[in-house]
C-alpha atoms as a PDB file:
ATOM      1  CA  MET A   1      54.954  76.302  96.200  1.00  0.00           C
ATOM      2  CA  SER A   2      52.194  73.648  96.508  1.00  0.00           C
ATOM      3  CA  ILE A   3      52.432  70.380  98.707  1.00  0.00           C
ATOM      4  CA  PHE A   4      53.027  68.576  95.379  1.00  0.00           C
ATOM      5  CA  ASP A   5      56.181  70.494  94.301  1.00  0.00           C
ATOM      6  CA  ILE A   6      57.149  69.925  98.406  1.00  0.00           C
ATOM      7  CA  PHE A   7      56.520  66.276  97.968  1.00  0.00           C
ATOM      8  CA  ARG A   8      58.671  66.308  94.571  1.00  0.00           C
ATOM      9  CA  ALA A   9      61.933  67.908  95.904  1.00  0.00           C
ATOM     10  CA  ALA A  10      61.926  65.547  98.564  1.00  0.00           C
ATOM     11  CA  ARG A  11      62.026  62.560  96.035  1.00  0.00           C
ATOM     12  CA  ILE A  12      64.414  64.077  94.058  1.00  0.00           C
ATOM     13  CA  GLY A  13      66.933  63.740  96.817  1.00  0.00           C
ATOM     14  CA  GLY A  14      65.651  66.860  98.921  1.00  0.00           C
ATOM     15  CA  ASP A  15      68.852  69.542  97.593  1.00  0.00           C
ATOM     16  CA  VAL A  16      69.437  67.990  94.304  1.00  0.00           C
ATOM     17  CA  ASP A  17      67.941  70.671  92.293  1.00  0.00           C
ATOM     18  CA  LYS A  18      67.365  70.235  88.241  1.00  0.00           C
ATOM     19  CA  ARG A  19      70.363  72.033  87.477  1.00  0.00           C
ATOM     20  CA  SER A  20      72.308  69.606  89.981  1.00  0.00           C
ATOM     21  CA  THR A  21      70.740  66.679  88.247  1.00  0.00           C
ATOM     22  CA  GLU A  22      71.113  67.589  85.010  1.00  0.00           C
ATOM     23  CA  ARG A  23      74.849  68.331  85.709  1.00  0.00           C
ATOM     24  CA  MET A  24      74.933  64.459  87.185  1.00  0.00           C
ATOM     25  CA  ARG A  25      72.921  63.047  84.338  1.00  0.00           C
ATOM     26  CA  LYS A  26      75.666  64.300  82.055  1.00  0.00           C
ATOM     27  CA  ARG A  27      78.498  62.770  84.575  1.00  0.00           C
ATOM     28  CA  LEU A  28      76.649  59.404  84.495  1.00  0.00           C
ATOM     29  CA  LEU A  29      76.685  59.585  80.607  1.00  0.00           C
ATOM     30  CA  ALA A  30      80.566  60.228  80.602  1.00  0.00           C
ATOM     31  CA  LEU A  31      81.123  57.534  83.045  1.00  0.00           C
ATOM     32  CA  LYS A  32      79.195  55.066  81.193  1.00  0.00           C
ATOM     33  CA  GLU A  33      81.009  56.308  77.931  1.00  0.00           C
ATOM     34  CA  GLU A  34      84.392  56.161  79.673  1.00  0.00           C
ATOM     35  CA  ILE A  35      83.113  52.378  80.320  1.00  0.00           C
ATOM     36  CA  LEU A  36      82.405  51.608  76.760  1.00  0.00           C
ATOM     37  CA  ASP A  37      85.534  53.034  75.848  1.00  0.00           C
ATOM     38  CA  HIS A  38      87.531  50.404  77.914  1.00  0.00           C
ATOM     39  CA  LEU A  39      85.222  47.948  76.345  1.00  0.00           C
ATOM     40  CA  ALA A  40      86.143  48.782  72.499  1.00  0.00           C
ATOM     41  CA  GLN A  41      89.873  49.072  73.260  1.00  0.00           C
ATOM     42  CA  GLU A  42      89.834  45.775  75.079  1.00  0.00           C
ATOM     43  CA  ASP A  43      87.533  43.763  72.917  1.00  0.00           C
ATOM     44  CA  GLU A  44      87.825  43.717  68.861  1.00  0.00           C
ATOM     45  CA  GLU A  45      84.222  42.362  68.516  1.00  0.00           C
ATOM     46  CA  PHE A  46      83.071  45.556  70.469  1.00  0.00           C
ATOM     47  CA  ARG A  47      85.145  47.845  68.900  1.00  0.00           C
ATOM     48  CA  GLU A  48      83.629  46.816  65.555  1.00  0.00           C
ATOM     49  CA  ILE A  49      80.301  47.250  66.848  1.00  0.00           C
ATOM     50  CA  TRP A  50      81.239  50.752  68.293  1.00  0.00           C
ATOM     51  CA  GLU A  51      82.683  52.167  65.090  1.00  0.00           C
ATOM     52  CA  ASP A  52      79.554  51.579  63.375  1.00  0.00           C
ATOM     53  CA  VAL A  53      77.444  53.464  65.700  1.00  0.00           C
ATOM     54  CA  ASP A  54      76.284  56.863  65.001  1.00  0.00           C
ATOM     55  CA  PRO A  55      78.230  59.469  67.688  1.00  0.00           C
ATOM     56  CA  LYS A  56      74.821  60.574  68.888  1.00  0.00           C
ATOM     57  CA  ASP A  57      74.056  57.365  69.732  1.00  0.00           C
ATOM     58  CA  MET A  58      76.964  56.644  71.623  1.00  0.00           C
ATOM     59  CA  ALA A  59      75.944  57.256  74.876  1.00  0.00           C
ATOM     60  CA  ASP A  60      73.085  55.023  74.583  1.00  0.00           C
ATOM     61  CA  ILE A  61      74.970  51.716  73.105  1.00  0.00           C
ATOM     62  CA  ALA A  62      74.965  49.820  76.496  1.00  0.00           C
ATOM     63  CA  SER A  63      70.965  49.944  75.800  1.00  0.00           C
ATOM     64  CA  ASP A  64      71.771  48.410  72.583  1.00  0.00           C
ATOM     65  CA  ASP A  65      71.494  44.271  72.476  1.00  0.00           C
ATOM     66  CA  ILE A  66      75.547  43.989  72.144  1.00  0.00           C
ATOM     67  CA  GLY A  67      75.165  40.834  73.113  1.00  0.00           C
ATOM     68  CA  ARG A  68      76.224  38.939  76.610  1.00  0.00           C
ATOM     69  CA  LYS A  69      79.652  37.781  75.264  1.00  0.00           C
ATOM     70  CA  THR A  70      80.619  41.341  74.432  1.00  0.00           C
ATOM     71  CA  LEU A  71      79.347  42.654  77.942  1.00  0.00           C
ATOM     72  CA  GLU A  72      81.474  39.815  79.661  1.00  0.00           C
ATOM     73  CA  ALA A  73      84.361  41.628  78.247  1.00  0.00           C
ATOM     74  CA  LEU A  74      84.093  44.025  81.007  1.00  0.00           C
ATOM     75  CA  GLY A  75      84.721  42.119  83.485  1.00  0.00           C
ATOM     76  CA  ALA A  76      82.422  41.481  86.404  1.00  0.00           C
ATOM     77  CA  GLN A  77      83.062  44.868  88.190  1.00  0.00           C
ATOM     78  CA  GLU A  78      82.741  47.049  85.267  1.00  0.00           C
ATOM     79  CA  VAL A  79      79.623  45.379  84.574  1.00  0.00           C
ATOM     80  CA  ARG A  80      78.358  46.439  87.584  1.00  0.00           C
ATOM     81  CA  ARG A  81      79.560  49.750  87.783  1.00  0.00           C
ATOM     82  CA  LEU A  82      77.766  50.110  84.531  1.00  0.00           C
ATOM     83  CA  ASN A  83      74.379  48.868  85.813  1.00  0.00           C
ATOM     84  CA  LEU A  84      74.280  50.950  88.555  1.00  0.00           C
ATOM     85  CA  ILE A  85      75.275  53.977  86.226  1.00  0.00           C
ATOM     86  CA  GLU A  86      71.946  52.499  83.706  1.00  0.00           C
ATOM     87  CA  SER A  87      69.995  52.347  86.846  1.00  0.00           C
ATOM     88  CA  ALA A  88      70.843  56.119  88.111  1.00  0.00           C
ATOM     89  CA  ILE A  89      70.161  57.491  84.477  1.00  0.00           C
ATOM     90  CA  ALA A  90      66.968  55.238  84.501  1.00  0.00           C
ATOM     91  CA  ARG A  91      65.862  57.018  88.179  1.00  0.00           C
ATOM     92  CA  ILE A  92      66.265  60.504  87.003  1.00  0.00           C
ATOM     93  CA  PRO A  93      63.271  61.086  84.874  1.00  0.00           C
ATOM     94  CA  ASN A  94      60.838  59.405  87.258  1.00  0.00           C
ATOM     95  CA  GLY A  95      62.002  61.652  89.931  1.00  0.00           C
ATOM     96  CA  HIS A  96      63.678  58.756  92.040  1.00  0.00           C
ATOM     97  CA  TYR A  97      67.802  59.847  91.362  1.00  0.00           C
ATOM     98  CA  GLY A  98      69.164  60.877  94.803  1.00  0.00           C
ATOM     99  CA  VAL A  99      66.682  59.124  96.820  1.00  0.00           C
ATOM    100  CA  CYS A 100      68.038  55.787  98.806  1.00  0.00           C
ATOM    101  CA  MET A 101      66.692  52.703  97.415  1.00  0.00           C
ATOM    102  CA  LYS A 102      66.028  51.040 101.450  1.00  0.00           C
ATOM    103  CA  CYS A 103      65.050  54.076 103.086  1.00  0.00           C
ATOM    104  CA  ASN A 104      63.473  56.778 100.700  1.00  0.00           C
ATOM    105  CA  ALA A 105      65.522  59.562 102.108  1.00  0.00           C
ATOM    106  CA  PRO A 106      67.618  61.893 100.467  1.00  0.00           C
ATOM    107  CA  ILE A 107      71.212  60.610  99.461  1.00  0.00           C
ATOM    108  CA  PRO A 108      73.371  63.728 100.264  1.00  0.00           C
ATOM    109  CA  LYS A 109      74.481  66.114  97.577  1.00  0.00           C
ATOM    110  CA  GLU A 110      77.856  65.324  98.628  1.00  0.00           C
ATOM    111  CA  ARG A 111      77.343  61.308  98.296  1.00  0.00           C
ATOM    112  CA  LEU A 112      76.198  61.567  94.587  1.00  0.00           C
ATOM    113  CA  GLU A 113      79.056  64.143  93.796  1.00  0.00           C
ATOM    114  CA  ALA A 114      81.526  61.323  95.162  1.00  0.00           C
ATOM    115  CA  ILE A 115      79.559  58.018  93.683  1.00  0.00           C
ATOM    116  CA  PRO A 116      76.510  59.546  90.693  1.00  0.00           C
ATOM    117  CA  TYR A 117      75.395  56.257  90.868  1.00  0.00           C
ATOM    118  CA  ALA A 118      74.834  55.500  94.446  1.00  0.00           C
ATOM    119  CA  LEU A 119      71.565  53.690  95.455  1.00  0.00           C
ATOM    120  CA  LEU A 120      71.858  54.146  99.329  1.00  0.00           C
ATOM    121  CA  CYS A 121      72.334  57.000 101.921  1.00  0.00           C
ATOM    122  CA  ILE A 122      75.741  56.844 103.679  1.00  0.00           C
ATOM    123  CA  ASN A 123      73.757  55.157 106.514  1.00  0.00           C
ATOM    124  CA  CYS A 124      71.840  52.252 104.579  1.00  0.00           C
ATOM    125  CA  GLN A 125      75.514  51.598 102.580  1.00  0.00           C
ATOM    126  CA  SER A 126      77.202  51.261 105.815  1.00  0.00           C
ATOM    127  CA  SER A 127      74.749  48.786 107.109  1.00  0.00           C
ATOM    128  CA  GLU A 128      74.730  46.909 104.027  1.00  0.00           C
ATOM    129  CA  GLU A 129      78.787  46.823 104.444  1.00  0.00           C
ATOM    130  CA  ARG A 130      78.627  45.596 107.737  1.00  0.00           C
ATOM    131  CA  ARG A 131      75.981  42.952 106.823  1.00  0.00           C
ATOM    132  CA  HIS A 132      78.159  41.203 104.146  1.00  0.00           C
ATOM    133  CA  ARG A 133      81.259  41.154 106.488  1.00  0.00           C
END
């Protein structure tokens, strides 16, 4: 194992291996689809867009230009969650998934299992929550 491999392993969350990352990517896509399904149930306009999409493209529907009005139907909390999921998916190919955005420490595998779109390690998240009280 080269020093580059060691560095890369540390960058992708230490104990988060390729298999775990792929499993988490699938979970993230499933969560994303769940939110979009909920949107389709709540919003007629979105339902029409959703029904016209090729099934193989359903996981990528949020990346399409759906329009701000449609996304507003999600509600602020679901939009935030959808954005976090999108961000997590985008970090996978560049090796930043599973790495704290604040301190660059690996996010523990258990935390990612509980919250696959976590941006921060437990310490940094606790610090943020205390700061916003």
